[in-house]
């Protein structure tokens, strides 16, 4: 247990930050799965737009690395383009 006042505050703030990061990462995973599991090109396009926006936000806030966001966006875009080409 932390003994100093500043250390106690660090414990509290770390817990808050950890909770925010966990929810953001969970949402990223959910949005990625939505795009990848989508079989309809139009629905996938809508999900892609939402996922890209959220990936950019989380990368800007430092919750995920910017290269991970770029990698995910690239893979999702490839998937959506493949679905659109099938049509």
N, C-alpha and C. Protein backbone atom coordinates (compact mmCIF):
# COMPACT_ATOMS: atom_id res chain seq x y z
N UNK A 1 0.84 -1.18 0.00
CA UNK A 1 0.00 0.00 0.00
C UNK A 1 0.88 1.24 0.00
N UNK A 2 0.47 2.24 -0.74
CA UNK A 2 1.22 3.48 -0.82
C UNK A 2 1.10 4.26 0.49
N UNK A 3 2.22 4.83 0.92
CA UNK A 3 2.23 5.55 2.19
C UNK A 3 2.17 7.06 2.02
N UNK A 4 2.73 7.57 0.95
CA UNK A 4 2.74 9.01 0.73
C UNK A 4 1.46 9.45 0.03
N UNK A 5 1.09 10.69 0.29
CA UNK A 5 -0.13 11.24 -0.30
C UNK A 5 -0.07 11.22 -1.83
N UNK A 6 1.09 11.58 -2.37
CA UNK A 6 1.24 11.61 -3.84
C UNK A 6 1.17 10.21 -4.43
N UNK A 7 1.71 9.25 -3.72
CA UNK A 7 1.67 7.86 -4.20
C UNK A 7 0.24 7.33 -4.17
N UNK A 8 -0.53 7.72 -3.15
CA UNK A 8 -1.93 7.30 -3.08
C UNK A 8 -2.72 7.89 -4.24
N UNK A 9 -2.43 9.15 -4.57
CA UNK A 9 -3.11 9.79 -5.70
C UNK A 9 -2.75 9.08 -7.00
N UNK A 10 -1.48 8.68 -7.13
CA UNK A 10 -1.03 7.96 -8.32
C UNK A 10 -1.81 6.65 -8.48
N UNK A 11 -2.05 5.97 -7.40
CA UNK A 11 -2.81 4.71 -7.44
C UNK A 11 -4.22 4.97 -7.95
N UNK A 12 -4.84 6.04 -7.43
CA UNK A 12 -6.20 6.36 -7.86
C UNK A 12 -6.25 6.75 -9.33
N UNK A 13 -5.32 7.62 -9.75
CA UNK A 13 -5.35 8.09 -11.14
C UNK A 13 -4.99 6.98 -12.11
N UNK A 14 -4.08 6.09 -11.72
CA UNK A 14 -3.72 4.96 -12.57
C UNK A 14 -4.91 4.05 -12.77
N UNK A 15 -5.67 3.84 -11.72
CA UNK A 15 -6.86 2.98 -11.81
C UNK A 15 -7.88 3.58 -12.79
N UNK A 16 -8.09 4.91 -12.71
CA UNK A 16 -9.02 5.57 -13.63
C UNK A 16 -8.55 5.45 -15.07
N UNK A 17 -7.26 5.70 -15.27
CA UNK A 17 -6.69 5.63 -16.62
C UNK A 17 -6.78 4.21 -17.18
N UNK A 18 -6.49 3.25 -16.32
CA UNK A 18 -6.53 1.85 -16.72
C UNK A 18 -7.94 1.45 -17.17
N UNK A 19 -8.93 1.93 -16.46
CA UNK A 19 -10.33 1.64 -16.80
C UNK A 19 -10.70 2.25 -18.14
N UNK A 20 -10.30 3.50 -18.37
CA UNK A 20 -10.57 4.16 -19.65
C UNK A 20 -9.90 3.43 -20.80
N UNK A 21 -8.64 3.04 -20.59
CA UNK A 21 -7.91 2.34 -21.64
C UNK A 21 -8.57 1.00 -21.95
N UNK A 22 -9.01 0.30 -20.92
CA UNK A 22 -9.61 -1.02 -21.11
C UNK A 22 -10.89 -0.91 -21.93
N UNK A 23 -11.73 0.07 -21.63
CA UNK A 23 -12.98 0.22 -22.39
C UNK A 23 -12.69 0.61 -23.83
N UNK A 24 -11.70 1.47 -24.03
CA UNK A 24 -11.35 1.90 -25.39
C UNK A 24 -10.83 0.72 -26.21
N UNK A 25 -9.96 -0.09 -25.61
CA UNK A 25 -9.40 -1.23 -26.34
C UNK A 25 -10.47 -2.26 -26.64
N UNK A 26 -11.40 -2.43 -25.73
CA UNK A 26 -12.50 -3.36 -25.94
C UNK A 26 -13.36 -2.89 -27.11
N UNK A 27 -13.61 -1.58 -27.17
CA UNK A 27 -14.42 -1.04 -28.26
C UNK A 27 -13.70 -1.17 -29.60
N UNK A 28 -12.39 -0.99 -29.60
CA UNK A 28 -11.60 -1.16 -30.83
C UNK A 28 -11.77 -2.58 -31.35
N UNK A 29 -11.62 -3.55 -30.45
CA UNK A 29 -11.75 -4.96 -30.84
C UNK A 29 -13.14 -5.24 -31.40
N UNK A 30 -14.16 -4.71 -30.75
CA UNK A 30 -15.54 -4.92 -31.20
C UNK A 30 -15.76 -4.34 -32.58
N UNK A 31 -15.27 -3.13 -32.82
CA UNK A 31 -15.47 -2.48 -34.11
C UNK A 31 -14.72 -3.23 -35.22
N UNK A 32 -13.52 -3.71 -34.91
CA UNK A 32 -12.74 -4.47 -35.90
C UNK A 32 -13.47 -5.75 -36.25
N UNK A 33 -14.00 -6.43 -35.25
CA UNK A 33 -14.74 -7.67 -35.49
C UNK A 33 -15.99 -7.42 -36.32
N UNK A 34 -16.67 -6.29 -36.06
CA UNK A 34 -17.87 -5.96 -36.83
C UNK A 34 -17.55 -5.84 -38.31
N UNK A 35 -16.45 -5.15 -38.62
CA UNK A 35 -16.07 -4.96 -40.03
C UNK A 35 -15.68 -6.29 -40.64
N UNK A 36 -14.88 -7.07 -39.95
CA UNK A 36 -14.38 -8.33 -40.50
C UNK A 36 -15.46 -9.38 -40.67
N UNK A 37 -16.46 -9.37 -39.80
CA UNK A 37 -17.51 -10.38 -39.89
C UNK A 37 -18.62 -9.98 -40.85
N UNK A 38 -18.60 -8.74 -41.29
CA UNK A 38 -19.65 -8.26 -42.18
C UNK A 38 -19.48 -8.85 -43.58
N UNK A 39 -20.57 -9.34 -44.14
CA UNK A 39 -20.55 -9.93 -45.48
C UNK A 39 -21.10 -8.97 -46.52
N UNK A 40 -21.89 -8.00 -46.07
CA UNK A 40 -22.50 -7.02 -46.98
C UNK A 40 -21.54 -5.84 -47.15
N UNK A 41 -21.30 -5.45 -48.40
CA UNK A 41 -20.32 -4.38 -48.69
C UNK A 41 -20.76 -3.04 -48.11
N UNK A 42 -22.05 -2.72 -48.22
CA UNK A 42 -22.52 -1.41 -47.72
C UNK A 42 -22.42 -1.33 -46.19
N UNK A 43 -22.82 -2.40 -45.51
CA UNK A 43 -22.72 -2.42 -44.05
C UNK A 43 -21.27 -2.34 -43.62
N UNK A 44 -20.42 -3.07 -44.32
CA UNK A 44 -19.00 -3.07 -43.99
C UNK A 44 -18.41 -1.67 -44.15
N UNK A 45 -18.87 -0.95 -45.17
CA UNK A 45 -18.39 0.41 -45.41
C UNK A 45 -18.76 1.33 -44.25
N UNK A 46 -19.99 1.19 -43.76
CA UNK A 46 -20.45 2.00 -42.63
C UNK A 46 -19.65 1.66 -41.37
N UNK A 47 -19.45 0.36 -41.12
CA UNK A 47 -18.68 -0.07 -39.96
C UNK A 47 -17.23 0.39 -40.08
N UNK A 48 -16.69 0.36 -41.29
CA UNK A 48 -15.31 0.78 -41.51
C UNK A 48 -15.13 2.25 -41.13
N UNK A 49 -16.06 3.08 -41.56
CA UNK A 49 -15.98 4.51 -41.26
C UNK A 49 -15.95 4.74 -39.75
N UNK A 50 -16.81 4.03 -39.04
CA UNK A 50 -16.88 4.15 -37.58
C UNK A 50 -15.59 3.65 -36.93
N UNK A 51 -15.08 2.53 -37.42
CA UNK A 51 -13.87 1.94 -36.85
C UNK A 51 -12.66 2.82 -37.08
N UNK A 52 -12.53 3.37 -38.28
CA UNK A 52 -11.38 4.23 -38.60
C UNK A 52 -11.39 5.48 -37.72
N UNK A 53 -12.55 6.07 -37.55
CA UNK A 53 -12.65 7.27 -36.71
C UNK A 53 -12.23 6.95 -35.28
N UNK A 54 -12.69 5.83 -34.76
CA UNK A 54 -12.37 5.49 -33.38
C UNK A 54 -10.90 5.11 -33.23
N UNK A 55 -10.34 4.40 -34.22
CA UNK A 55 -8.92 4.06 -34.18
C UNK A 55 -8.07 5.32 -34.16
N UNK A 56 -8.44 6.30 -34.98
CA UNK A 56 -7.70 7.56 -35.00
C UNK A 56 -7.75 8.27 -33.65
N UNK A 57 -8.94 8.28 -33.04
CA UNK A 57 -9.10 8.93 -31.74
C UNK A 57 -8.25 8.25 -30.67
N UNK A 58 -8.30 6.92 -30.63
CA UNK A 58 -7.55 6.21 -29.59
C UNK A 58 -6.04 6.34 -29.80
N UNK A 59 -5.62 6.38 -31.06
CA UNK A 59 -4.19 6.56 -31.33
C UNK A 59 -3.74 7.97 -30.95
N UNK A 60 -4.59 8.94 -31.22
CA UNK A 60 -4.26 10.33 -30.88
C UNK A 60 -4.13 10.52 -29.38
N UNK A 61 -4.93 9.80 -28.61
CA UNK A 61 -4.89 9.91 -27.16
C UNK A 61 -3.80 9.03 -26.55
N UNK A 62 -3.14 8.22 -27.38
CA UNK A 62 -2.05 7.38 -26.89
C UNK A 62 -2.51 6.08 -26.26
N UNK A 63 -3.73 5.71 -26.48
CA UNK A 63 -4.24 4.46 -25.90
C UNK A 63 -3.75 3.26 -26.69
N UNK A 64 -3.54 3.45 -28.00
CA UNK A 64 -2.89 2.44 -28.83
C UNK A 64 -1.81 3.15 -29.64
N UNK A 65 -0.86 2.38 -30.13
CA UNK A 65 0.23 2.97 -30.91
C UNK A 65 -0.30 3.37 -32.28
N UNK A 66 0.24 4.45 -32.83
CA UNK A 66 -0.24 4.95 -34.11
C UNK A 66 -0.01 3.95 -35.24
N UNK A 67 1.05 3.17 -35.15
CA UNK A 67 1.30 2.16 -36.19
C UNK A 67 0.29 1.02 -36.11
N UNK A 68 -0.14 0.69 -34.92
CA UNK A 68 -1.17 -0.35 -34.77
C UNK A 68 -2.47 0.14 -35.39
N UNK A 69 -2.80 1.39 -35.15
CA UNK A 69 -4.01 1.97 -35.73
C UNK A 69 -3.92 1.94 -37.26
N UNK A 70 -2.77 2.31 -37.79
CA UNK A 70 -2.58 2.32 -39.24
C UNK A 70 -2.67 0.91 -39.81
N UNK A 71 -2.09 -0.05 -39.12
CA UNK A 71 -2.13 -1.44 -39.56
C UNK A 71 -3.56 -1.98 -39.58
N UNK A 72 -4.31 -1.68 -38.53
CA UNK A 72 -5.70 -2.12 -38.46
C UNK A 72 -6.55 -1.47 -39.56
N UNK A 73 -6.35 -0.17 -39.77
CA UNK A 73 -7.12 0.54 -40.80
C UNK A 73 -6.83 -0.04 -42.17
N UNK A 74 -5.57 -0.33 -42.43
CA UNK A 74 -5.18 -0.89 -43.72
C UNK A 74 -5.82 -2.25 -43.95
N UNK A 75 -5.76 -3.11 -42.95
CA UNK A 75 -6.33 -4.46 -43.08
C UNK A 75 -7.84 -4.40 -43.27
N UNK A 76 -8.50 -3.52 -42.53
CA UNK A 76 -9.95 -3.40 -42.64
C UNK A 76 -10.35 -2.84 -44.00
N UNK A 77 -9.58 -1.88 -44.49
CA UNK A 77 -9.88 -1.29 -45.80
C UNK A 77 -9.71 -2.33 -46.90
N UNK A 78 -8.67 -3.16 -46.79
CA UNK A 78 -8.47 -4.24 -47.76
C UNK A 78 -9.66 -5.18 -47.76
N UNK A 79 -10.13 -5.52 -46.58
CA UNK A 79 -11.27 -6.43 -46.45
C UNK A 79 -12.52 -5.84 -47.11
N UNK A 80 -12.79 -4.58 -46.84
CA UNK A 80 -13.97 -3.91 -47.40
C UNK A 80 -13.85 -3.80 -48.92
N UNK A 81 -12.66 -3.49 -49.40
CA UNK A 81 -12.45 -3.40 -50.84
C UNK A 81 -12.65 -4.74 -51.52
N UNK A 82 -12.24 -5.81 -50.86
CA UNK A 82 -12.44 -7.16 -51.40
C UNK A 82 -13.92 -7.48 -51.50
N UNK A 83 -14.68 -7.08 -50.47
CA UNK A 83 -16.13 -7.30 -50.48
C UNK A 83 -16.79 -6.49 -51.62
N UNK A 84 -16.34 -5.28 -51.80
CA UNK A 84 -16.91 -4.42 -52.85
C UNK A 84 -16.59 -4.97 -54.23
N UNK A 85 -15.42 -5.57 -54.39
CA UNK A 85 -15.02 -6.12 -55.70
C UNK A 85 -15.84 -7.35 -56.06
N UNK A 86 -16.27 -8.10 -55.05
CA UNK A 86 -17.08 -9.29 -55.28
C UNK A 86 -18.43 -8.95 -55.89
N UNK A 87 -18.93 -7.77 -55.53
CA UNK A 87 -20.26 -7.36 -55.97
C UNK A 87 -20.39 -7.15 -57.42
